[in-house]
PDB file of N, CA and C in Angstrom:
ATOM      1  N   MET A   1     124.346  98.892 106.638  1.00  0.00           N
ATOM      2  CA  MET A   1     124.307  98.726 108.075  1.00  0.00           C
ATOM      3  C   MET A   1     123.056  97.939 108.443  1.00  0.00           C
ATOM      4  N   THR A   2     123.236  96.934 109.219  1.00  0.00           N
ATOM      5  CA  THR A   2     122.136  96.098 109.668  1.00  0.00           C
ATOM      6  C   THR A   2     121.842  96.398 111.127  1.00  0.00           C
ATOM      7  N   LEU A   3     120.561  96.630 111.411  1.00  0.00           N
ATOM      8  CA  LEU A   3     120.151  96.907 112.788  1.00  0.00           C
ATOM      9  C   LEU A   3     119.863  95.613 113.524  1.00  0.00           C
ATOM     10  N   LYS A   4     120.170  95.606 114.801  1.00  0.00           N
ATOM     11  CA  LYS A   4     119.850  94.463 115.652  1.00  0.00           C
ATOM     12  C   LYS A   4     118.390  94.572 116.072  1.00  0.00           C
ATOM     13  N   ASN A   5     117.834  93.470 116.525  1.00  0.00           N
ATOM     14  CA  ASN A   5     116.420  93.442 116.917  1.00  0.00           C
ATOM     15  C   ASN A   5     116.104  94.450 118.009  1.00  0.00           C
ATOM     16  N   ASP A   6     116.983  94.603 119.009  1.00  0.00           N
ATOM     17  CA  ASP A   6     116.714  95.555 120.083  1.00  0.00           C
ATOM     18  C   ASP A   6     116.783  96.994 119.571  1.00  0.00           C
ATOM     19  N   GLN A   7     117.636  97.261 118.579  1.00  0.00           N
ATOM     20  CA  GLN A   7     117.706  98.592 117.981  1.00  0.00           C
ATOM     21  C   GLN A   7     116.431  98.895 117.201  1.00  0.00           C
ATOM     22  N   ILE A   8     115.941  97.901 116.485  1.00  0.00           N
ATOM     23  CA  ILE A   8     114.692  98.069 115.738  1.00  0.00           C
ATOM     24  C   ILE A   8     113.534  98.307 116.696  1.00  0.00           C
ATOM     25  N   ALA A   9     113.487  97.567 117.789  1.00  0.00           N
ATOM     26  CA  ALA A   9     112.417  97.736 118.778  1.00  0.00           C
ATOM     27  C   ALA A   9     112.452  99.138 119.379  1.00  0.00           C
ATOM     28  N   THR A  10     113.640  99.626 119.712  1.00  0.00           N
ATOM     29  CA  THR A  10     113.785 100.973 120.265  1.00  0.00           C
ATOM     30  C   THR A  10     113.333 102.012 119.252  1.00  0.00           C
ATOM     31  N   LEU A  11     113.741 101.846 118.017  1.00  0.00           N
ATOM     32  CA  LEU A  11     113.344 102.768 116.958  1.00  0.00           C
ATOM     33  C   LEU A  11     111.834 102.769 116.753  1.00  0.00           C
ATOM     34  N   MET A  12     111.222 101.614 116.776  1.00  0.00           N
ATOM     35  CA  MET A  12     109.769 101.511 116.590  1.00  0.00           C
ATOM     36  C   MET A  12     109.021 102.165 117.752  1.00  0.00           C
ATOM     37  N   LYS A  13     109.523 102.013 118.969  1.00  0.00           N
ATOM     38  CA  LYS A  13     108.898 102.667 120.121  1.00  0.00           C
ATOM     39  C   LYS A  13     108.965 104.180 119.975  1.00  0.00           C
ATOM     40  N   PHE A  14     110.119 104.678 119.513  1.00  0.00           N
ATOM     41  CA  PHE A  14     110.261 106.115 119.319  1.00  0.00           C
ATOM     42  C   PHE A  14     109.298 106.607 118.247  1.00  0.00           C
ATOM     43  N   VAL A  15     109.236 105.925 117.127  1.00  0.00           N
ATOM     44  CA  VAL A  15     108.346 106.330 116.032  1.00  0.00           C
ATOM     45  C   VAL A  15     106.896 106.319 116.503  1.00  0.00           C
ATOM     46  N   ALA A  16     106.514 105.328 117.263  1.00  0.00           N
ATOM     47  CA  ALA A  16     105.137 105.237 117.754  1.00  0.00           C
ATOM     48  C   ALA A  16     104.810 106.334 118.754  1.00  0.00           C
ATOM     49  N   SER A  17     105.826 106.837 119.455  1.00  0.00           N
ATOM     50  CA  SER A  17     105.566 107.861 120.467  1.00  0.00           C
ATOM     51  C   SER A  17     105.465 109.267 119.886  1.00  0.00           C
ATOM     52  N   VAL A  18     105.926 109.455 118.676  1.00  0.00           N
ATOM     53  CA  VAL A  18     105.919 110.778 118.062  1.00  0.00           C
ATOM     54  C   VAL A  18     104.506 111.118 117.603  1.00  0.00           C
ATOM     55  N   THR A  19     104.057 112.295 117.986  1.00  0.00           N
ATOM     56  CA  THR A  19     102.751 112.759 117.544  1.00  0.00           C
ATOM     57  C   THR A  19     102.947 113.955 116.624  1.00  0.00           C
ATOM     58  N   PRO A  20     102.217 114.002 115.531  1.00  0.00           N
ATOM     59  CA  PRO A  20     102.395 115.119 114.598  1.00  0.00           C
ATOM     60  C   PRO A  20     101.978 116.437 115.236  1.00  0.00           C
ATOM     61  N   ASP A  21     102.757 117.474 114.985  1.00  0.00           N
ATOM     62  CA  ASP A  21     102.437 118.766 115.569  1.00  0.00           C
ATOM     63  C   ASP A  21     102.158 119.819 114.513  1.00  0.00           C
ATOM     64  N   GLY A  22     102.458 119.532 113.265  1.00  0.00           N
ATOM     65  CA  GLY A  22     102.177 120.479 112.198  1.00  0.00           C
ATOM     66  C   GLY A  22     103.139 121.650 112.144  1.00  0.00           C
ATOM     67  N   LEU A  23     104.205 121.590 112.923  1.00  0.00           N
ATOM     68  CA  LEU A  23     105.173 122.679 112.942  1.00  0.00           C
ATOM     69  C   LEU A  23     106.517 122.199 112.425  1.00  0.00           C
ATOM     70  N   CYS A  24     107.174 123.042 111.655  1.00  0.00           N
ATOM     71  CA  CYS A  24     108.571 122.793 111.322  1.00  0.00           C
ATOM     72  C   CYS A  24     109.401 123.501 112.387  1.00  0.00           C
ATOM     73  N   CYS A  25     110.677 123.298 112.361  1.00  0.00           N
ATOM     74  CA  CYS A  25     111.552 123.897 113.379  1.00  0.00           C
ATOM     75  C   CYS A  25     111.500 125.424 113.344  1.00  0.00           C
ATOM     76  N   ASP A  26     111.409 126.007 112.149  1.00  0.00           N
ATOM     77  CA  ASP A  26     111.325 127.473 112.047  1.00  0.00           C
ATOM     78  C   ASP A  26     110.046 127.997 112.689  1.00  0.00           C
ATOM     79  N   ASP A  27     108.928 127.304 112.455  1.00  0.00           N
ATOM     80  CA  ASP A  27     107.657 127.714 113.069  1.00  0.00           C
ATOM     81  C   ASP A  27     107.730 127.591 114.589  1.00  0.00           C
ATOM     82  N   CYS A  28     108.365 126.543 115.042  1.00  0.00           N
ATOM     83  CA  CYS A  28     108.519 126.334 116.480  1.00  0.00           C
ATOM     84  C   CYS A  28     109.320 127.486 117.090  1.00  0.00           C
ATOM     85  N   ALA A  29     110.441 127.812 116.471  1.00  0.00           N
ATOM     86  CA  ALA A  29     111.316 128.866 116.987  1.00  0.00           C
ATOM     87  C   ALA A  29     110.597 130.206 117.080  1.00  0.00           C
ATOM     88  N   GLU A  30     109.663 130.429 116.161  1.00  0.00           N
ATOM     89  CA  GLU A  30     108.892 131.676 116.159  1.00  0.00           C
ATOM     90  C   GLU A  30     108.081 131.851 117.442  1.00  0.00           C
ATOM     91  N   HIS A  31     107.606 130.742 117.996  1.00  0.00           N
ATOM     92  CA  HIS A  31     106.702 130.785 119.155  1.00  0.00           C
ATOM     93  C   HIS A  31     107.388 130.469 120.480  1.00  0.00           C
ATOM     94  N   VAL A  32     108.691 130.216 120.449  1.00  0.00           N
ATOM     95  CA  VAL A  32     109.420 129.880 121.676  1.00  0.00           C
ATOM     96  C   VAL A  32     109.297 130.977 122.738  1.00  0.00           C
ATOM     97  N   PRO A  33     109.493 132.256 122.393  1.00  0.00           N
ATOM     98  CA  PRO A  33     109.356 133.283 123.445  1.00  0.00           C
ATOM     99  C   PRO A  33     107.978 133.298 124.105  1.00  0.00           C
ATOM    100  N   GLU A  34     106.954 133.113 123.305  1.00  0.00           N
ATOM    101  CA  GLU A  34     105.582 133.090 123.826  1.00  0.00           C
ATOM    102  C   GLU A  34     105.384 131.917 124.791  1.00  0.00           C
ATOM    103  N   LEU A  35     105.889 130.753 124.419  1.00  0.00           N
ATOM    104  CA  LEU A  35     105.760 129.579 125.280  1.00  0.00           C
ATOM    105  C   LEU A  35     106.550 129.774 126.572  1.00  0.00           C
ATOM    106  N   ALA A  36     107.751 130.301 126.470  1.00  0.00           N
ATOM    107  CA  ALA A  36     108.584 130.509 127.659  1.00  0.00           C
ATOM    108  C   ALA A  36     107.916 131.467 128.628  1.00  0.00           C
ATOM    109  N   GLU A  37     107.400 132.559 128.120  1.00  0.00           N
ATOM    110  CA  GLU A  37     106.723 133.526 128.992  1.00  0.00           C
ATOM    111  C   GLU A  37     105.500 132.911 129.651  1.00  0.00           C
ATOM    112  N   ALA A  38     104.754 132.110 128.900  1.00  0.00           N
ATOM    113  CA  ALA A  38     103.568 131.462 129.466  1.00  0.00           C
ATOM    114  C   ALA A  38     103.965 130.475 130.556  1.00  0.00           C
ATOM    115  N   GLN A  39     105.007 129.704 130.305  1.00  0.00           N
ATOM    116  CA  GLN A  39     105.409 128.711 131.296  1.00  0.00           C
ATOM    117  C   GLN A  39     106.023 129.357 132.534  1.00  0.00           C
ATOM    118  N   LEU A  40     106.801 130.383 132.352  1.00  0.00           N
ATOM    119  CA  LEU A  40     107.399 131.061 133.501  1.00  0.00           C
ATOM    120  C   LEU A  40     106.353 131.812 134.311  1.00  0.00           C
ATOM    121  N   GLY A  41     105.322 132.319 133.629  1.00  0.00           N
ATOM    122  CA  GLY A  41     104.255 133.036 134.308  1.00  0.00           C
ATOM    123  C   GLY A  41     103.101 132.150 134.717  1.00  0.00           C
ATOM    124  N   LYS A  42     103.247 130.851 134.468  1.00  0.00           N
ATOM    125  CA  LYS A  42     102.202 129.866 134.802  1.00  0.00           C
ATOM    126  C   LYS A  42     100.875 130.190 134.117  1.00  0.00           C
ATOM    127  N   ALA A  43     100.948 130.738 132.900  1.00  0.00           N
ATOM    128  CA  ALA A  43      99.740 131.062 132.135  1.00  0.00           C
ATOM    129  C   ALA A  43      99.267 129.817 131.379  1.00  0.00           C
ATOM    130  N   PRO A  44      97.981 129.745 131.099  1.00  0.00           N
ATOM    131  CA  PRO A  44      97.487 128.611 130.319  1.00  0.00           C
ATOM    132  C   PRO A  44      98.055 128.652 128.903  1.00  0.00           C
ATOM    133  N   LEU A  45      98.240 127.469 128.328  1.00  0.00           N
ATOM    134  CA  LEU A  45      98.807 127.380 126.990  1.00  0.00           C
ATOM    135  C   LEU A  45      97.718 127.465 125.927  1.00  0.00           C
ATOM    136  N   THR A  46      98.007 128.221 124.890  1.00  0.00           N
ATOM    137  CA  THR A  46      97.102 128.275 123.745  1.00  0.00           C
ATOM    138  C   THR A  46      97.329 127.024 122.904  1.00  0.00           C
ATOM    139  N   GLU A  47      96.482 126.825 121.915  1.00  0.00           N
ATOM    140  CA  GLU A  47      96.621 125.664 121.035  1.00  0.00           C
ATOM    141  C   GLU A  47      97.979 125.668 120.330  1.00  0.00           C
ATOM    142  N   VAL A  48      98.408 126.825 119.873  1.00  0.00           N
ATOM    143  CA  VAL A  48      99.705 126.928 119.189  1.00  0.00           C
ATOM    144  C   VAL A  48     100.832 126.589 120.154  1.00  0.00           C
ATOM    145  N   MET A  49     100.750 127.087 121.372  1.00  0.00           N
ATOM    146  CA  MET A  49     101.799 126.792 122.348  1.00  0.00           C
ATOM    147  C   MET A  49     101.830 125.307 122.690  1.00  0.00           C
ATOM    148  N   GLU A  50     100.682 124.653 122.697  1.00  0.00           N
ATOM    149  CA  GLU A  50     100.651 123.207 122.932  1.00  0.00           C
ATOM    150  C   GLU A  50     101.325 122.475 121.779  1.00  0.00           C
ATOM    151  N   GLN A  51     101.137 122.971 120.552  1.00  0.00           N
ATOM    152  CA  GLN A  51     101.815 122.381 119.400  1.00  0.00           C
ATOM    153  C   GLN A  51     103.323 122.576 119.506  1.00  0.00           C
ATOM    154  N   VAL A  52     103.735 123.748 119.957  1.00  0.00           N
ATOM    155  CA  VAL A  52     105.165 124.022 120.146  1.00  0.00           C
ATOM    156  C   VAL A  52     105.727 123.084 121.206  1.00  0.00           C
ATOM    157  N   GLN A  53     105.018 122.941 122.294  1.00  0.00           N
ATOM    158  CA  GLN A  53     105.459 122.058 123.372  1.00  0.00           C
ATOM    159  C   GLN A  53     105.588 120.619 122.861  1.00  0.00           C
ATOM    160  N   ASN A  54     104.644 120.173 122.066  1.00  0.00           N
ATOM    161  CA  ASN A  54     104.689 118.836 121.479  1.00  0.00           C
ATOM    162  C   ASN A  54     105.896 118.712 120.556  1.00  0.00           C
ATOM    163  N   HIS A  55     106.150 119.752 119.757  1.00  0.00           N
ATOM    164  CA  HIS A  55     107.309 119.734 118.862  1.00  0.00           C
ATOM    165  C   HIS A  55     108.590 119.611 119.675  1.00  0.00           C
ATOM    166  N   LEU A  56     108.678 120.346 120.774  1.00  0.00           N
ATOM    167  CA  LEU A  56     109.870 120.304 121.622  1.00  0.00           C
ATOM    168  C   LEU A  56     110.085 118.913 122.212  1.00  0.00           C
ATOM    169  N   GLU A  57     109.014 118.210 122.501  1.00  0.00           N
ATOM    170  CA  GLU A  57     109.129 116.859 123.048  1.00  0.00           C
ATOM    171  C   GLU A  57     109.653 115.874 122.011  1.00  0.00           C
ATOM    172  N   ASN A  58     109.484 116.202 120.730  1.00  0.00           N
ATOM    173  CA  ASN A  58     109.872 115.289 119.657  1.00  0.00           C
ATOM    174  C   ASN A  58     111.094 115.740 118.873  1.00  0.00           C
ATOM    175  N   CYS A  59     111.617 116.912 119.159  1.00  0.00           N
ATOM    176  CA  CYS A  59     112.739 117.448 118.391  1.00  0.00           C
ATOM    177  C   CYS A  59     113.863 117.859 119.343  1.00  0.00           C
ATOM    178  N   PRO A  60     114.875 117.034 119.475  1.00  0.00           N
ATOM    179  CA  PRO A  60     115.956 117.344 120.419  1.00  0.00           C
ATOM    180  C   PRO A  60     116.669 118.669 120.123  1.00  0.00           C
ATOM    181  N   CYS A  61     116.803 119.017 118.854  1.00  0.00           N
ATOM    182  CA  CYS A  61     117.485 120.277 118.511  1.00  0.00           C
ATOM    183  C   CYS A  61     116.694 121.475 119.020  1.00  0.00           C
ATOM    184  N   CYS A  62     115.412 121.498 118.759  1.00  0.00           N
ATOM    185  CA  CYS A  62     114.572 122.606 119.218  1.00  0.00           C
ATOM    186  C   CYS A  62     114.463 122.610 120.740  1.00  0.00           C
ATOM    187  N   ALA A  63     114.409 121.432 121.338  1.00  0.00           N
ATOM    188  CA  ALA A  63     114.329 121.339 122.800  1.00  0.00           C
ATOM    189  C   ALA A  63     115.565 121.946 123.441  1.00  0.00           C
ATOM    190  N   LYS A  64     116.736 121.695 122.871  1.00  0.00           N
ATOM    191  CA  LYS A  64     117.972 122.260 123.413  1.00  0.00           C
ATOM    192  C   LYS A  64     117.973 123.782 123.269  1.00  0.00           C
ATOM    193  N   GLU A  65     117.539 124.271 122.102  1.00  0.00           N
ATOM    194  CA  GLU A  65     117.467 125.717 121.900  1.00  0.00           C
ATOM    195  C   GLU A  65     116.494 126.356 122.881  1.00  0.00           C
ATOM    196  N   TYR A  66     115.382 125.676 123.158  1.00  0.00           N
ATOM    197  CA  TYR A  66     114.398 126.189 124.115  1.00  0.00           C
ATOM    198  C   TYR A  66     114.996 126.259 125.516  1.00  0.00           C
ATOM    199  N   GLU A  67     115.724 125.207 125.913  1.00  0.00           N
ATOM    200  CA  GLU A  67     116.358 125.201 127.225  1.00  0.00           C
ATOM    201  C   GLU A  67     117.331 126.376 127.359  1.00  0.00           C
ATOM    202  N   LEU A  68     118.122 126.610 126.320  1.00  0.00           N
ATOM    203  CA  LEU A  68     119.069 127.727 126.344  1.00  0.00           C
ATOM    204  C   LEU A  68     118.341 129.064 126.414  1.00  0.00           C
ATOM    205  N   PHE A  69     117.226 129.176 125.701  1.00  0.00           N
ATOM    206  CA  PHE A  69     116.429 130.404 125.736  1.00  0.00           C
ATOM    207  C   PHE A  69     115.900 130.644 127.141  1.00  0.00           C
ATOM    208  N   LEU A  70     115.369 129.594 127.772  1.00  0.00           N
ATOM    209  CA  LEU A  70     114.853 129.722 129.145  1.00  0.00           C
ATOM    210  C   LEU A  70     115.957 130.134 130.118  1.00  0.00           C
ATOM    211  N   GLU A  71     117.136 129.532 129.977  1.00  0.00           N
ATOM    212  CA  GLU A  71     118.256 129.893 130.847  1.00  0.00           C
ATOM    213  C   GLU A  71     118.610 131.366 130.689  1.00  0.00           C
ATOM    214  N   ALA A  72     118.673 131.834 129.443  1.00  0.00           N
ATOM    215  CA  ALA A  72     119.007 133.240 129.187  1.00  0.00           C
ATOM    216  C   ALA A  72     117.920 134.158 129.741  1.00  0.00           C
ATOM    217  N   LEU A  73     116.669 133.777 129.548  1.00  0.00           N
ATOM    218  CA  LEU A  73     115.558 134.597 130.012  1.00  0.00           C
ATOM    219  C   LEU A  73     115.542 134.684 131.539  1.00  0.00           C
ATOM    220  N   THR A  74     115.753 133.593 132.213  1.00  0.00           N
ATOM    221  CA  THR A  74     115.744 133.624 133.667  1.00  0.00           C
ATOM    222  C   THR A  74     116.975 134.337 134.208  1.00  0.00           C
ATOM    223  N   ALA A  75     118.091 134.263 133.509  1.00  0.00           N
ATOM    224  CA  ALA A  75     119.288 134.980 133.935  1.00  0.00           C
ATOM    225  C   ALA A  75     119.068 136.502 133.844  1.00  0.00           C
ATOM    226  N   VAL A  76     118.389 136.947 132.810  1.00  0.00           N
ATOM    227  CA  VAL A  76     118.089 138.378 132.636  1.00  0.00           C
ATOM    228  C   VAL A  76     117.125 138.832 133.729  1.00  0.00           C
ATOM    229  N   GLU A  77     116.136 138.005 134.050  1.00  0.00           N
ATOM    230  CA  GLU A  77     115.153 138.365 135.071  1.00  0.00           C
ATOM    231  C   GLU A  77     115.784 138.420 136.463  1.00  0.00           C
ATOM    232  N   ASP A  78     116.825 137.609 136.698  1.00  0.00           N
ATOM    233  CA  ASP A  78     117.480 137.588 137.998  1.00  0.00           C
ATOM    234  C   ASP A  78     118.344 138.803 138.239  1.00  0.00           C
ATOM    235  N   ASP A  79     118.757 139.474 137.172  1.00  0.00           N
ATOM    236  CA  ASP A  79     119.618 140.670 137.321  1.00  0.00           C
ATOM    237  C   ASP A  79     118.881 141.885 137.781  1.00  0.00           C
TER     238      ASP A  79
END
């Protein structure tokens, strides 16, 4: 498969925007509840939570799981 120039440019922009967070998806998932509670309670983020947030910005799978977790958490709080 050969990429077109605009596809390569888009890919390079994405690669350049990714910042290392030092977390794998499993590590991220471990801290999701902590991050959600901090964000819902407007608490300051710890260094680990900032790494989780960075991971979520760069990992669509984890970001989707986080969104679903937040929806479930807010639905429980509304009851």
